Amino acid sequence: MDRNTRYGENLSTEMPSSHPRGQRPRFNVFHFLTHSHPTSPKHTSENSAHGILATIVHHVLSIAVIVGVHDNLLFSSFLAQRQERRQQQHHEQQYSMESNFDATDINDITAYALVAYYCIIFFLRHRNAMTRNIVFYQTMWLCNTTLLVGSFCFKTRRDTMALGYMIAVCIDQVLWYVDLSVWIISGRKTFPIGVAKYLTWPSTQWHTRFTSTHHLWTMPVFLRAYFRSSHHDHEMMSANVMMRCFALSCVVVTMHVILARWLTPNSIVIVCNGRDDNDGNYGKIQEGRQEYLNVNLSHELWKDISFSFLQISKDDPSPIVYIARLLWRWWMFNAIVFFGLLLPTTNFFIEYLGIL
């Protein structure tokens, strides 16, 4: 759900803190990590300390919690049983003429490709960013962390965890298909949702378009890798496992929204520490512009969404109330998309068309 720039927002000024003369204020890590207003030096300065530290905290906390829930709560017995089945199959194949072929080994290639793409998009975005902190904040988008964590999941044989991440982003990915399909059919005139609209803006650079392609191929890649593994472990396709994967996706969404609300600002004011164009004017034009972030919709839903059911900020709710409203809608739409569309469609391709 990446969006670029929004304009016309009022900027506030940071009030200096008061402390006794001659005494330096004590450094508060929690306060430093907590996001501030768009003009705060910790967001806009060329020093990316806040962006880097916030990214590390986000990834460490989210991955630790989600791995813990996956390994010790939702899938503890399943993982143990799966390991026993794999050992038994390996033992039986040692005394047979069949080759010991494990489809999950092929998923190593998927894991390497995912982390390579993740590194490429980070390099391109960081190289062309006008404000470096923006790139680190963008890594916290759920669609971006899904690539990085998905690589880890497939490499460590946590396929069910990878599917949980994919379910967490499936509503967004489907909206991309809807947006681009209608845009093409309408003769490149309209985007019914608007999630992909920024790709057609004249100000959108080529690297932004390239590093947005994962919105279209994340679901097919993850589903193919998961069902490739399930071909040798049919228990992975059971209703029980599917429901547990969905439950894990709710944890994934919750962690990413809460951490993004804590660590990332709604927007940042651009400073000229990026690259100018050939005429040396690009940086001057960008100076003072607000870069809209709103990572994981943690601050608000898009203002241009016209559905009244999704306008959950009109009464200016508190952060807790807003996040609660957002989460159950996000969970609900993911459930509809996964159980009502993706799972039946994938089963159809596998059972009737023989495509895996």
Protein backbone atom coordinates (compact mmCIF):
# COMPACT_ATOMS: atom_id res chain seq x y z
CA MET A 1 0.00 0.00 0.00
CA ASP A 2 2.77 2.42 -0.82
CA ARG A 3 1.75 6.00 -1.47
CA ASN A 4 4.00 8.90 -2.35
CA THR A 5 3.45 12.56 -1.69
CA ARG A 6 0.57 14.51 -0.21
CA TYR A 7 0.50 18.31 0.01
CA GLY A 8 -1.26 21.01 1.94
CA GLU A 9 -0.84 19.66 5.46
CA ASN A 10 -0.15 22.12 8.25
CA LEU A 11 3.30 21.90 9.77
CA SER A 12 3.88 22.34 13.45
CA THR A 13 6.99 23.42 15.27
CA GLU A 14 8.68 21.43 17.97
CA MET A 15 8.67 23.11 21.39
CA PRO A 16 12.07 23.04 23.06
CA SER A 17 12.16 21.08 26.28
CA SER A 18 13.07 22.95 29.43
CA HIS A 19 15.70 21.72 31.86
CA PRO A 20 17.84 23.34 34.56
CA ARG A 21 20.70 25.45 33.28
CA GLY A 22 23.96 23.60 33.12
CA GLN A 23 22.33 20.18 33.11
CA ARG A 24 22.02 18.10 29.97
CA PRO A 25 18.71 16.27 29.55
CA ARG A 26 18.89 12.51 30.00
CA PHE A 27 18.56 10.54 26.79
CA ASN A 28 15.27 8.63 26.67
CA VAL A 29 15.36 5.77 24.15
CA PHE A 30 11.60 5.25 24.12
CA HIS A 31 10.97 8.96 23.59
CA PHE A 32 13.57 9.08 20.84
CA LEU A 33 12.01 6.13 19.03
CA THR A 34 8.50 7.59 19.26
CA HIS A 35 7.61 9.45 16.07
CA SER A 36 7.35 13.23 16.09
CA HIS A 37 5.99 15.92 13.75
CA PRO A 38 7.03 16.17 10.06
CA THR A 39 9.67 18.86 10.68
CA SER A 40 11.38 17.13 13.59
CA PRO A 41 15.17 16.96 13.01
CA LYS A 42 15.24 13.27 13.87
CA HIS A 43 13.07 12.64 10.80
CA THR A 44 14.39 15.24 8.36
CA SER A 45 18.11 15.50 9.08
CA GLU A 46 20.73 13.84 6.92
CA ASN A 47 21.58 11.75 9.97
CA SER A 48 19.39 8.65 9.63
CA ALA A 49 19.87 7.49 13.22
CA HIS A 50 16.16 7.45 14.02
CA GLY A 51 15.19 5.73 10.79
CA ILE A 52 17.85 3.04 11.19
CA LEU A 53 17.15 2.39 14.88
CA ALA A 54 13.38 2.38 14.33
CA THR A 55 13.77 -0.11 11.49
CA ILE A 56 15.89 -2.43 13.62
CA VAL A 57 13.46 -2.25 16.54
CA HIS A 58 10.49 -2.86 14.23
CA HIS A 59 12.01 -5.90 12.54
CA VAL A 60 13.43 -7.46 15.70
CA LEU A 61 10.22 -7.06 17.72
CA SER A 62 7.81 -8.07 14.96
CA ILE A 63 9.80 -11.10 13.80
CA ALA A 64 10.51 -12.27 17.36
CA VAL A 65 6.84 -12.10 18.37
CA ILE A 66 5.55 -13.68 15.18
CA VAL A 67 8.12 -16.50 15.20
CA GLY A 68 7.28 -17.12 18.86
CA VAL A 69 3.55 -17.30 18.17
CA HIS A 70 4.13 -19.51 15.12
CA ASP A 71 6.61 -21.96 16.67
CA ASN A 72 5.33 -22.15 20.23
CA LEU A 73 1.59 -21.53 20.04
CA LEU A 74 -0.13 -22.01 16.70
CA PHE A 75 2.14 -24.57 15.03
CA SER A 76 4.17 -26.24 17.78
CA SER A 77 2.55 -29.69 17.41
CA PHE A 78 2.30 -29.38 13.63
CA LEU A 79 6.01 -28.61 13.27
CA ALA A 80 6.94 -31.57 15.47
CA GLN A 81 4.70 -33.94 13.51
CA ARG A 82 6.00 -32.59 10.23
CA GLN A 83 9.59 -33.17 11.31
CA GLU A 84 8.74 -36.77 12.24
CA ARG A 85 7.09 -37.35 8.87
CA ARG A 86 10.09 -35.92 7.04
CA GLN A 87 12.48 -38.16 8.98
CA GLN A 88 10.32 -41.21 8.32
CA GLN A 89 10.12 -40.43 4.60
CA HIS A 90 13.88 -39.94 4.46
CA HIS A 91 14.44 -43.25 6.26
CA GLU A 92 12.11 -45.11 3.87
CA GLN A 93 13.74 -43.60 0.80
CA GLN A 94 17.16 -44.76 1.96
CA TYR A 95 15.99 -48.35 1.40
CA SER A 96 14.17 -47.75 -1.87
CA MET A 97 15.23 -47.15 -5.45
CA GLU A 98 13.58 -43.72 -5.47
CA SER A 99 15.69 -40.60 -5.24
CA ASN A 100 15.44 -38.59 -2.05
CA PHE A 101 13.76 -35.54 -3.56
CA ASP A 102 12.28 -32.92 -1.31
CA ALA A 103 10.26 -30.22 -3.01
CA THR A 104 11.01 -27.77 -0.24
CA ASP A 105 14.64 -27.71 -1.34
CA ILE A 106 13.50 -25.94 -4.50
CA ASN A 107 12.07 -23.20 -2.29
CA ASP A 108 15.63 -22.23 -1.40
CA ILE A 109 15.80 -20.57 -4.81
CA THR A 110 12.65 -18.63 -3.97
CA ALA A 111 14.21 -17.56 -0.66
CA TYR A 112 17.38 -16.30 -2.36
CA ALA A 113 15.39 -14.48 -5.05
CA LEU A 114 13.20 -12.73 -2.48
CA VAL A 115 16.11 -11.42 -0.42
CA ALA A 116 17.98 -10.37 -3.58
CA TYR A 117 14.97 -8.36 -4.79
CA TYR A 118 14.57 -6.83 -1.33
CA CYS A 119 18.21 -5.67 -1.37
CA ILE A 120 17.81 -4.26 -4.89
CA ILE A 121 14.76 -2.16 -4.03
CA PHE A 122 16.44 -0.89 -0.86
CA PHE A 123 19.55 0.12 -2.82
CA LEU A 124 17.58 1.88 -5.56
CA ARG A 125 15.34 3.72 -3.14
CA HIS A 126 18.20 4.76 -0.88
CA ARG A 127 20.31 5.91 -3.83
CA ASN A 128 17.53 8.12 -5.22
CA ALA A 129 15.87 9.29 -2.00
CA MET A 130 15.68 13.00 -1.22
CA THR A 131 15.56 12.22 2.50
CA ARG A 132 17.30 9.04 3.62
CA ASN A 133 15.05 8.37 6.60
CA ILE A 134 12.14 7.80 4.23
CA VAL A 135 13.77 4.66 2.85
CA PHE A 136 14.17 3.11 6.29
CA TYR A 137 10.59 3.93 7.23
CA GLN A 138 9.38 2.37 3.98
CA THR A 139 11.01 -0.94 4.91
CA MET A 140 8.37 -1.24 7.63
CA TRP A 141 5.56 -1.47 5.10
CA LEU A 142 4.01 -4.90 5.48
CA CYS A 143 4.34 -5.61 1.76
CA ASN A 144 8.10 -4.98 2.06
CA THR A 145 8.71 -6.95 5.24
CA THR A 146 6.77 -9.84 3.71
CA LEU A 147 9.52 -10.19 1.11
CA LEU A 148 12.32 -10.22 3.69
CA VAL A 149 10.60 -12.45 6.23
CA GLY A 150 9.23 -14.68 3.47
CA SER A 151 12.79 -15.42 2.42
CA PHE A 152 13.62 -16.40 5.99
CA CYS A 153 10.49 -18.56 6.24
CA PHE A 154 11.11 -20.57 3.08
CA LYS A 155 14.77 -21.07 3.96
CA THR A 156 13.96 -22.31 7.47
CA ARG A 157 10.98 -24.44 6.29
CA ARG A 158 8.41 -22.25 8.03
CA ASP A 159 6.07 -22.38 5.05
CA THR A 160 3.01 -21.82 7.23
CA MET A 161 4.53 -18.62 8.59
CA ALA A 162 5.22 -17.43 5.04
CA LEU A 163 1.58 -18.10 4.15
CA GLY A 164 0.49 -16.12 7.20
CA TYR A 165 2.45 -13.11 5.93
CA MET A 166 0.97 -13.52 2.46
CA ILE A 167 -2.57 -13.59 3.86
CA ALA A 168 -1.77 -10.41 5.79
CA VAL A 169 -1.14 -8.50 2.53
CA CYS A 170 -3.63 -10.27 0.26
CA ILE A 171 -6.34 -7.58 0.37
CA ASP A 172 -3.81 -4.96 -0.74
CA GLN A 173 -2.39 -7.18 -3.48
CA VAL A 174 -5.86 -7.96 -4.88
CA LEU A 175 -6.68 -4.25 -4.97
CA TRP A 176 -3.61 -3.74 -7.13
CA TYR A 177 -4.97 -6.28 -9.62
CA VAL A 178 -8.35 -4.53 -9.61
CA ASP A 179 -6.82 -1.08 -10.06
CA LEU A 180 -4.51 -2.01 -12.93
CA SER A 181 -7.08 -4.21 -14.70
CA VAL A 182 -9.73 -1.47 -14.75
CA TRP A 183 -7.10 1.10 -15.74
CA ILE A 184 -6.11 -0.97 -18.77
CA ILE A 185 -9.70 -1.81 -19.76
CA SER A 186 -10.76 1.84 -19.45
CA GLY A 187 -8.04 2.91 -21.84
CA ARG A 188 -5.74 4.09 -19.06
CA LYS A 189 -8.27 6.59 -17.73
CA THR A 190 -9.36 5.53 -14.26
CA PHE A 191 -8.26 3.73 -11.11
CA PRO A 192 -11.33 2.52 -9.17
CA ILE A 193 -9.39 2.08 -5.90
CA GLY A 194 -6.36 4.30 -6.29
CA VAL A 195 -3.64 2.14 -4.71
CA ALA A 196 -1.68 2.04 -7.98
CA LYS A 197 -2.51 5.54 -9.19
CA TYR A 198 0.84 7.03 -8.19
CA LEU A 199 2.56 4.88 -10.83
CA THR A 200 1.13 7.15 -13.55
CA TRP A 201 2.14 10.43 -11.96
CA PRO A 202 4.70 12.35 -14.07
CA SER A 203 6.78 12.91 -10.93
CA THR A 204 7.07 9.16 -10.26
CA GLN A 205 10.54 7.98 -11.21
CA TRP A 206 11.39 4.73 -12.97
CA HIS A 207 12.93 3.12 -9.90
CA THR A 208 9.69 3.68 -7.97
CA ARG A 209 7.72 1.90 -10.65
CA PHE A 210 10.21 -0.97 -10.77
CA THR A 211 10.29 -1.38 -7.00
CA SER A 212 6.50 -1.62 -6.91
CA THR A 213 6.24 -4.73 -9.08
CA HIS A 214 6.17 -7.06 -6.05
CA HIS A 215 2.57 -6.00 -5.43
CA LEU A 216 1.69 -8.13 -8.45
CA TRP A 217 3.86 -11.21 -7.98
CA THR A 218 4.07 -11.69 -4.20
CA MET A 219 0.89 -13.78 -3.96
CA PRO A 220 1.65 -16.10 -6.93
CA VAL A 221 5.23 -16.69 -5.74
CA PHE A 222 4.25 -17.41 -2.14
CA LEU A 223 1.30 -19.62 -3.09
CA ARG A 224 3.37 -21.62 -5.55
CA ALA A 225 6.12 -22.19 -3.00
CA TYR A 226 3.66 -23.17 -0.29
CA PHE A 227 1.66 -25.59 -2.41
CA ARG A 228 4.84 -27.06 -3.82
CA SER A 229 5.72 -28.06 -0.26
CA SER A 230 2.19 -29.28 0.45
CA HIS A 231 2.49 -31.73 -2.44
CA HIS A 232 4.78 -33.78 -0.19
CA ASP A 233 2.98 -32.93 3.04
CA HIS A 234 -0.78 -32.99 2.49
CA GLU A 235 -1.50 -31.98 6.08
CA MET A 236 -0.45 -28.45 5.08
CA MET A 237 -3.68 -28.15 3.08
CA SER A 238 -6.00 -29.12 5.94
CA ALA A 239 -8.67 -26.70 7.11
CA ASN A 240 -7.06 -26.64 10.55
CA VAL A 241 -3.72 -25.43 9.17
CA MET A 242 -5.42 -22.86 6.93
CA MET A 243 -7.29 -21.40 9.89
CA ARG A 244 -4.09 -21.25 11.93
CA CYS A 245 -2.32 -19.46 9.08
CA PHE A 246 -5.12 -16.91 9.02
CA ALA A 247 -4.87 -16.46 12.80
CA LEU A 248 -1.15 -15.85 12.39
CA SER A 249 -1.87 -13.25 9.69
CA CYS A 250 -3.98 -11.33 12.22
CA VAL A 251 -0.97 -11.25 14.55
CA VAL A 252 1.23 -10.06 11.67
CA VAL A 253 -1.13 -7.20 10.80
CA THR A 254 -1.54 -6.19 14.44
CA MET A 255 2.20 -6.05 15.11
CA HIS A 256 2.93 -4.03 11.98
CA VAL A 257 0.20 -1.47 12.58
CA ILE A 258 1.07 -0.90 16.24
CA LEU A 259 4.82 -0.65 15.63
CA ALA A 260 4.35 1.66 12.64
CA ARG A 261 2.10 3.93 14.68
CA TRP A 262 4.76 4.13 17.38
CA LEU A 263 7.90 4.45 15.23
CA THR A 264 6.95 6.28 12.02
CA PRO A 265 5.50 9.75 11.39
CA ASN A 266 2.52 10.34 9.15
CA SER A 267 4.70 12.42 6.82
CA ILE A 268 8.15 14.00 6.56
CA VAL A 269 9.30 17.35 5.21
CA ILE A 270 11.89 16.96 2.44
CA VAL A 271 15.39 18.37 2.91
CA CYS A 272 17.94 18.56 0.12
CA ASN A 273 20.23 15.66 0.86
CA GLY A 274 19.33 13.68 -2.23
CA ARG A 275 20.37 14.02 -5.86
CA ASP A 276 19.56 16.89 -8.15
CA ASP A 277 18.59 16.41 -11.77
CA ASN A 278 20.93 17.25 -14.64
CA ASP A 279 20.08 20.94 -14.33
CA GLY A 280 20.58 20.99 -10.57
CA ASN A 281 16.95 21.95 -9.94
CA TYR A 282 15.31 18.80 -8.64
CA GLY A 283 16.48 19.21 -5.07
CA LYS A 284 15.43 22.86 -5.04
CA ILE A 285 11.95 21.91 -6.23
CA GLN A 286 11.61 19.18 -3.62
CA GLU A 287 12.83 21.35 -0.73
CA GLY A 288 10.07 21.83 1.86
CA ARG A 289 7.70 19.30 0.28
CA GLN A 290 5.93 16.82 2.52
CA GLU A 291 6.50 13.16 1.79
CA TYR A 292 3.41 11.22 2.81
CA LEU A 293 4.20 7.99 4.65
CA ASN A 294 1.30 6.71 6.79
CA VAL A 295 3.06 3.34 7.02
CA ASN A 296 0.65 0.40 7.25
CA LEU A 297 -2.26 2.87 7.48
CA SER A 298 -1.27 3.32 11.10
CA HIS A 299 -2.30 6.98 11.22
CA GLU A 300 -5.31 7.15 8.90
CA LEU A 301 -7.04 5.53 5.95
CA TRP A 302 -6.51 7.12 2.57
CA LYS A 303 -8.57 10.31 2.37
CA ASP A 304 -9.62 9.61 -1.23
CA ILE A 305 -11.45 6.37 -0.31
CA SER A 306 -15.14 7.15 -0.79
CA PHE A 307 -16.68 4.14 0.97
CA SER A 308 -18.35 5.33 4.16
CA PHE A 309 -17.72 1.96 5.80
CA LEU A 310 -13.98 2.66 5.58
CA GLN A 311 -14.07 6.24 6.81
CA ILE A 312 -13.14 5.47 10.40
CA SER A 313 -11.41 8.74 11.34
CA LYS A 314 -14.18 11.30 10.88
CA ASP A 315 -14.78 11.66 14.60
CA ASP A 316 -11.05 12.08 15.29
CA PRO A 317 -10.71 8.91 17.39
CA SER A 318 -7.89 8.22 19.80
CA PRO A 319 -5.02 6.07 18.46
CA ILE A 320 -6.31 3.00 20.32
CA VAL A 321 -9.84 3.39 18.95
CA TYR A 322 -8.58 4.05 15.43
CA ILE A 323 -6.26 1.01 15.44
CA ALA A 324 -9.05 -1.22 16.79
CA ARG A 325 -11.38 -0.07 13.99
CA LEU A 326 -8.69 -0.59 11.39
CA LEU A 327 -7.60 -4.04 12.55
CA TRP A 328 -10.92 -5.83 12.51
CA ARG A 329 -11.72 -4.46 9.04
CA TRP A 330 -8.29 -5.49 7.77
CA TRP A 331 -8.71 -8.99 9.23
CA MET A 332 -12.19 -9.31 7.75
CA PHE A 333 -11.17 -8.30 4.23
CA ASN A 334 -8.17 -10.64 4.33
CA ALA A 335 -10.46 -13.50 5.37
CA ILE A 336 -12.86 -12.77 2.51
CA VAL A 337 -10.08 -12.57 -0.05
CA PHE A 338 -8.15 -15.63 1.15
CA PHE A 339 -10.98 -18.07 1.91
CA GLY A 340 -13.38 -16.74 -0.70
CA LEU A 341 -11.02 -16.12 -3.63
CA LEU A 342 -7.39 -17.20 -3.32
CA LEU A 343 -7.85 -20.63 -1.74
CA PRO A 344 -10.66 -21.80 -4.07
CA THR A 345 -8.84 -20.45 -7.13
CA THR A 346 -5.58 -22.13 -6.18
CA ASN A 347 -7.32 -25.44 -5.48
CA PHE A 348 -9.00 -25.21 -8.88
CA PHE A 349 -5.69 -24.73 -10.67
CA ILE A 350 -4.14 -27.62 -8.75
CA GLU A 351 -6.96 -30.17 -8.91
CA TYR A 352 -8.53 -29.51 -12.30
CA LEU A 353 -5.76 -27.98 -14.36
CA GLY A 354 -2.83 -29.79 -12.77
CA ILE A 355 -0.87 -26.57 -12.32
CA LEU A 356 1.33 -26.24 -9.25
